[in-house]
Amino acid sequence: MNLPVWLGETLEFPDPALSHWQGLVALGGDLSAERLILAYRQGIFPWYSAGDPIMWWSPDPRSVFFPALFHLSASLRRVLHKHEFEIRIDTAFSDVVRCCGSVPRAGQDGTWILPEMHEAYCRLHRLGHAHSVEVWQQLPASSGGTVSTPPLCDRSGMYLAGGVYGVLTESVFCGESMFSLAPNASKIALAALMHLSLACEILAVDCQFMTPHLASLGAVEIRRSDYLALLESGHTPQYEANDLASPGAALFATHTWPQTLQAALETRQGR
């Protein structure tokens, strides 16, 4: 079979191991919840621009975080220990996705998070398959603050400063995108995701393609075959897949979770 192939109405994908050399597996199809869930369970994800057909990818190598190998730098530790923020799970999923698609990024022109992609991931969220880890901070004073029009504020004066969202396939959290409206907010969200992953025994956090920034935080590249083996491992994390918010909220209820994360990383990394 020569890949990529055009998908029809049948809910199926070709073997990603036979993909195009850049990792392109298929074109077309739709963004229904059923197709997306099937795709992620097979190590495939959609990624395309406006005007293009839906493109389905499974790159080789694959970039992932193994939570126990996350690099918690001294500067990030200091930021976490100040605890000038609050971690929430799944309280503003749609806003996190919207910000990931609209907040400007250095070296990036435009976004792949099109309206139909936003709607598709929100459907997955409502079904319990997609989740957001959110960083909330106190709204700075208008005279000296750096946030002119925050995307979302609550009644206590906290605003959504950063976050990460993705799709949970039991053993792997497939990270899709993250954003930051305040210094270090996306790094805080990523550290919180690693704490959640360690506590719930999630094997890996997928980040798809490597960047220098991800590498500096401990991401590694693995063979696609090894990534697919993680998905097929049959590992069952310690949570209910459709109720991630409940254990997540408890994990961040006190200000000591950064110390717990640091201790866990030091133990597992032999430091």
Protein backbone atom coordinates (compact mmCIF):
# COMPACT_ATOMS: atom_id res chain seq x y z
CA MET A 1 0.00 0.00 0.00
CA ASN A 2 1.28 3.43 -0.95
CA LEU A 3 0.63 6.04 1.73
CA PRO A 4 -0.85 8.50 2.25
CA VAL A 5 -4.30 7.20 1.26
CA TRP A 6 -7.59 9.03 0.99
CA LEU A 7 -10.02 8.05 3.72
CA GLY A 8 -13.64 7.19 3.02
CA GLU A 9 -16.61 6.97 5.34
CA THR A 10 -15.36 3.78 6.97
CA LEU A 11 -13.79 4.34 10.38
CA GLU A 12 -10.35 2.92 9.74
CA PHE A 13 -6.76 4.00 9.20
CA PRO A 14 -3.91 2.29 7.40
CA ASP A 15 -0.98 0.96 9.39
CA PRO A 16 1.03 4.05 10.45
CA ALA A 17 4.24 2.03 10.09
CA LEU A 18 3.71 2.28 6.32
CA SER A 19 3.36 6.05 6.31
CA HIS A 20 5.05 8.60 4.06
CA TRP A 21 8.64 9.31 5.15
CA GLN A 22 7.53 12.55 6.83
CA GLY A 23 4.87 10.68 8.80
CA LEU A 24 1.80 11.49 6.69
CA VAL A 25 -0.57 8.52 6.93
CA ALA A 26 -3.83 9.63 5.31
CA LEU A 27 -5.87 12.48 3.89
CA GLY A 28 -9.54 13.36 4.17
CA GLY A 29 -12.11 11.74 6.40
CA ASP A 30 -13.71 13.81 9.13
CA LEU A 31 -13.14 15.05 12.68
CA SER A 32 -15.87 13.02 14.34
CA ALA A 33 -15.21 11.95 17.91
CA GLU A 34 -15.17 8.30 16.85
CA ARG A 35 -12.52 8.86 14.18
CA LEU A 36 -10.36 11.02 16.45
CA ILE A 37 -10.44 8.47 19.27
CA LEU A 38 -9.51 5.69 16.83
CA ALA A 39 -6.69 7.83 15.43
CA TYR A 40 -5.10 8.64 18.78
CA ARG A 41 -5.29 5.02 19.88
CA GLN A 42 -3.31 4.13 16.75
CA GLY A 43 -0.70 6.86 17.24
CA ILE A 44 -2.19 9.17 14.59
CA PHE A 45 -3.26 12.80 14.92
CA PRO A 46 -4.74 15.47 12.59
CA TRP A 47 -2.69 18.49 11.59
CA TYR A 48 -3.41 20.75 8.64
CA SER A 49 -3.90 24.37 7.60
CA ALA A 50 -6.89 26.28 6.27
CA GLY A 51 -7.66 25.30 2.68
CA ASP A 52 -5.97 21.89 2.98
CA PRO A 53 -7.70 18.53 3.36
CA ILE A 54 -7.52 16.95 6.79
CA MET A 55 -4.06 15.44 7.13
CA TRP A 56 -3.36 12.55 9.51
CA TRP A 57 0.18 12.11 10.85
CA SER A 58 2.27 9.56 12.73
CA PRO A 59 5.87 10.82 12.70
CA ASP A 60 8.95 8.67 13.18
CA PRO A 61 10.71 9.40 15.45
CA ARG A 62 8.07 10.54 17.94
CA SER A 63 8.78 13.14 20.61
CA VAL A 64 7.55 12.34 24.11
CA PHE A 65 8.03 13.19 27.73
CA PHE A 66 8.53 10.35 30.16
CA PRO A 67 7.19 12.09 33.27
CA ALA A 68 9.91 10.74 35.57
CA LEU A 69 12.57 12.29 33.30
CA PHE A 70 11.08 15.78 33.19
CA HIS A 71 13.77 18.44 33.65
CA LEU A 72 12.75 20.69 36.53
CA SER A 73 15.31 23.48 36.29
CA ALA A 74 16.39 25.56 39.27
CA SER A 75 14.64 28.61 37.84
CA LEU A 76 11.38 26.73 37.29
CA ARG A 77 11.61 25.29 40.81
CA ARG A 78 11.84 28.82 42.20
CA VAL A 79 8.80 29.89 40.20
CA LEU A 80 6.79 26.88 41.37
CA HIS A 81 7.74 27.30 45.02
CA LYS A 82 6.55 30.93 45.02
CA HIS A 83 3.12 29.56 44.15
CA GLU A 84 1.78 32.78 42.70
CA PHE A 85 -0.76 30.80 40.69
CA GLU A 86 -3.49 28.17 40.95
CA ILE A 87 -3.73 24.93 38.96
CA ARG A 88 -7.15 23.88 37.73
CA ILE A 89 -8.19 20.91 35.63
CA ASP A 90 -10.88 21.07 32.94
CA THR A 91 -12.54 24.28 34.14
CA ALA A 92 -11.96 26.27 30.93
CA PHE A 93 -11.15 23.70 28.25
CA SER A 94 -12.63 25.63 25.33
CA ASP A 95 -10.78 28.81 26.35
CA VAL A 96 -7.47 26.92 26.57
CA VAL A 97 -7.92 25.58 23.03
CA ARG A 98 -8.93 29.04 21.79
CA CYS A 99 -5.87 30.66 23.37
CA CYS A 100 -3.58 28.00 21.94
CA GLY A 101 -4.86 28.97 18.52
CA SER A 102 -4.83 32.74 18.95
CA VAL A 103 -1.88 33.72 21.17
CA PRO A 104 1.01 34.83 18.92
CA ARG A 105 4.12 32.62 18.88
CA ALA A 106 7.62 33.57 17.84
CA GLY A 107 8.44 32.18 14.41
CA GLN A 108 4.90 30.99 13.73
CA ASP A 109 2.53 32.57 11.22
CA GLY A 110 -1.08 31.51 11.58
CA THR A 111 -2.57 28.52 13.37
CA TRP A 112 -3.61 24.96 12.67
CA ILE A 113 -6.33 25.14 15.36
CA LEU A 114 -9.11 26.01 12.95
CA PRO A 115 -12.74 26.48 14.10
CA GLU A 116 -13.61 22.91 13.14
CA MET A 117 -10.62 21.62 15.13
CA HIS A 118 -11.72 23.65 18.15
CA GLU A 119 -15.20 22.19 17.91
CA ALA A 120 -13.85 18.66 17.47
CA TYR A 121 -11.66 18.77 20.59
CA CYS A 122 -14.48 20.32 22.61
CA ARG A 123 -16.62 17.33 21.61
CA LEU A 124 -13.88 15.00 22.82
CA HIS A 125 -13.73 16.98 26.06
CA ARG A 126 -17.46 16.63 26.64
CA LEU A 127 -17.07 12.87 26.13
CA GLY A 128 -14.26 12.75 28.70
CA HIS A 129 -11.38 12.08 26.32
CA ALA A 130 -9.74 15.52 26.13
CA HIS A 131 -8.49 17.55 29.10
CA SER A 132 -6.87 20.84 29.98
CA VAL A 133 -4.36 21.73 32.68
CA GLU A 134 -4.79 25.42 33.45
CA VAL A 135 -2.68 28.05 35.19
CA TRP A 136 -4.66 30.82 36.84
CA GLN A 137 -3.03 33.94 38.27
CA GLN A 138 -4.14 37.10 40.00
CA LEU A 139 -5.02 39.78 37.49
CA PRO A 140 -2.25 42.41 37.58
CA ALA A 141 -3.04 46.08 38.12
CA SER A 142 -3.85 47.86 34.88
CA SER A 143 -1.07 50.38 35.42
CA GLY A 144 1.76 47.87 35.64
CA GLY A 145 0.28 44.61 34.43
CA THR A 146 1.32 42.79 31.28
CA VAL A 147 -2.14 41.45 30.41
CA SER A 148 -4.33 44.05 28.72
CA THR A 149 -7.32 41.87 27.77
CA PRO A 150 -7.15 38.47 29.47
CA PRO A 151 -9.26 35.78 27.82
CA LEU A 152 -11.07 34.70 30.94
CA CYS A 153 -11.39 36.05 34.48
CA ASP A 154 -13.25 34.66 37.45
CA ARG A 155 -15.00 36.59 40.19
CA SER A 156 -11.99 36.46 42.49
CA GLY A 157 -9.82 38.38 40.03
CA MET A 158 -7.90 35.35 38.75
CA TYR A 159 -7.29 35.07 35.02
CA LEU A 160 -6.34 32.22 32.72
CA ALA A 161 -2.61 32.84 32.26
CA GLY A 162 -1.55 29.63 30.53
CA GLY A 163 -2.42 26.05 29.89
CA VAL A 164 -2.00 22.85 27.93
CA TYR A 165 -4.61 20.52 26.46
CA GLY A 166 -4.58 17.08 24.93
CA VAL A 167 -6.26 13.73 24.46
CA LEU A 168 -5.99 10.89 26.94
CA THR A 169 -5.53 7.38 25.55
CA GLU A 170 -5.27 5.66 28.93
CA SER A 171 -1.53 5.02 29.06
CA VAL A 172 -0.48 8.15 27.10
CA PHE A 173 -1.55 11.78 27.34
CA CYS A 174 -1.34 13.13 23.80
CA GLY A 175 -0.46 16.77 24.23
CA GLU A 176 -1.82 18.99 21.48
CA SER A 177 -0.80 22.56 22.28
CA MET A 178 -0.01 24.99 25.07
CA PHE A 179 -0.03 28.75 25.51
CA SER A 180 1.23 31.42 27.86
CA LEU A 181 -0.01 34.93 28.62
CA ALA A 182 2.37 35.43 31.54
CA PRO A 183 6.03 34.57 32.10
CA ASN A 184 6.56 30.82 32.69
CA ALA A 185 2.83 30.02 32.61
CA SER A 186 3.14 27.29 29.96
CA LYS A 187 6.11 25.75 31.80
CA ILE A 188 4.05 25.74 35.01
CA ALA A 189 1.22 24.00 33.15
CA LEU A 190 3.64 21.41 31.78
CA ALA A 191 5.13 20.78 35.24
CA ALA A 192 1.61 20.33 36.61
CA LEU A 193 0.85 17.86 33.82
CA MET A 194 3.96 15.87 34.77
CA HIS A 195 2.89 15.85 38.42
CA LEU A 196 -0.54 14.60 37.37
CA SER A 197 1.00 11.97 35.09
CA LEU A 198 3.32 10.64 37.80
CA ALA A 199 0.52 10.49 40.36
CA CYS A 200 -1.87 8.74 37.96
CA GLU A 201 0.83 6.50 36.43
CA ILE A 202 0.44 7.82 32.88
CA LEU A 203 3.35 6.30 30.97
CA ALA A 204 4.18 9.17 28.63
CA VAL A 205 3.12 12.59 27.41
CA ASP A 206 3.22 12.81 23.64
CA CYS A 207 4.50 16.08 22.15
CA GLN A 208 4.61 14.85 18.54
CA PHE A 209 7.54 16.84 17.09
CA MET A 210 10.75 17.89 18.86
CA THR A 211 11.70 21.53 19.42
CA PRO A 212 14.70 22.96 21.31
CA HIS A 213 12.32 24.25 23.99
CA LEU A 214 10.79 20.80 24.59
CA ALA A 215 14.21 19.17 24.58
CA SER A 216 15.38 21.60 27.28
CA LEU A 217 12.53 20.37 29.47
CA GLY A 218 13.41 16.71 29.04
CA ALA A 219 11.50 15.58 25.95
CA VAL A 220 13.14 12.73 24.01
CA GLU A 221 12.66 11.15 20.61
CA ILE A 222 11.69 7.50 20.39
CA ARG A 223 10.98 5.19 17.47
CA ARG A 224 7.40 5.15 16.26
CA SER A 225 7.28 1.41 16.94
CA ASP A 226 8.15 2.07 20.58
CA TYR A 227 5.48 4.76 20.81
CA LEU A 228 2.87 2.41 19.36
CA ALA A 229 3.97 -0.21 21.90
CA LEU A 230 3.21 2.26 24.71
CA LEU A 231 -0.29 2.73 23.32
CA GLU A 232 -0.79 -1.03 23.09
CA SER A 233 0.73 -1.86 26.48
CA GLY A 234 -2.59 -2.43 28.19
CA HIS A 235 -1.39 -0.30 31.10
CA THR A 236 -4.21 1.09 33.23
CA PRO A 237 -3.45 4.34 35.07
CA GLN A 238 -4.92 5.01 38.50
CA TYR A 239 -7.91 7.14 37.56
CA GLU A 240 -11.21 6.96 35.77
CA ALA A 241 -10.59 8.12 32.19
CA ASN A 242 -13.86 10.08 32.08
CA ASP A 243 -13.34 11.74 35.47
CA LEU A 244 -9.82 13.14 35.29
CA ALA A 245 -10.85 16.37 37.01
CA SER A 246 -11.57 14.67 40.34
CA PRO A 247 -8.08 13.29 41.09
CA GLY A 248 -6.55 16.27 39.31
CA ALA A 249 -8.23 18.78 41.57
CA ALA A 250 -7.12 16.94 44.70
CA LEU A 251 -3.52 16.76 43.51
CA PHE A 252 -3.27 20.55 43.41
CA ALA A 253 -5.40 21.41 46.43
CA THR A 254 -2.39 22.43 48.53
CA HIS A 255 0.72 24.52 47.80
CA THR A 256 3.02 21.57 48.45
CA TRP A 257 2.59 19.79 45.12
CA PRO A 258 5.77 21.35 43.60
CA GLN A 259 7.82 19.91 46.48
CA THR A 260 6.14 16.54 45.94
CA LEU A 261 6.96 16.69 42.23
CA GLN A 262 10.57 17.68 42.90
CA ALA A 263 11.03 14.85 45.40
CA ALA A 264 9.51 12.31 43.00
CA LEU A 265 11.77 13.43 40.16
CA GLU A 266 14.89 13.35 42.32
CA THR A 267 14.06 9.85 43.51
CA ARG A 268 13.35 8.48 40.04
CA GLN A 269 16.33 10.21 38.46
CA GLY A 270 18.65 8.97 41.22
CA ARG A 271 19.60 12.41 42.50
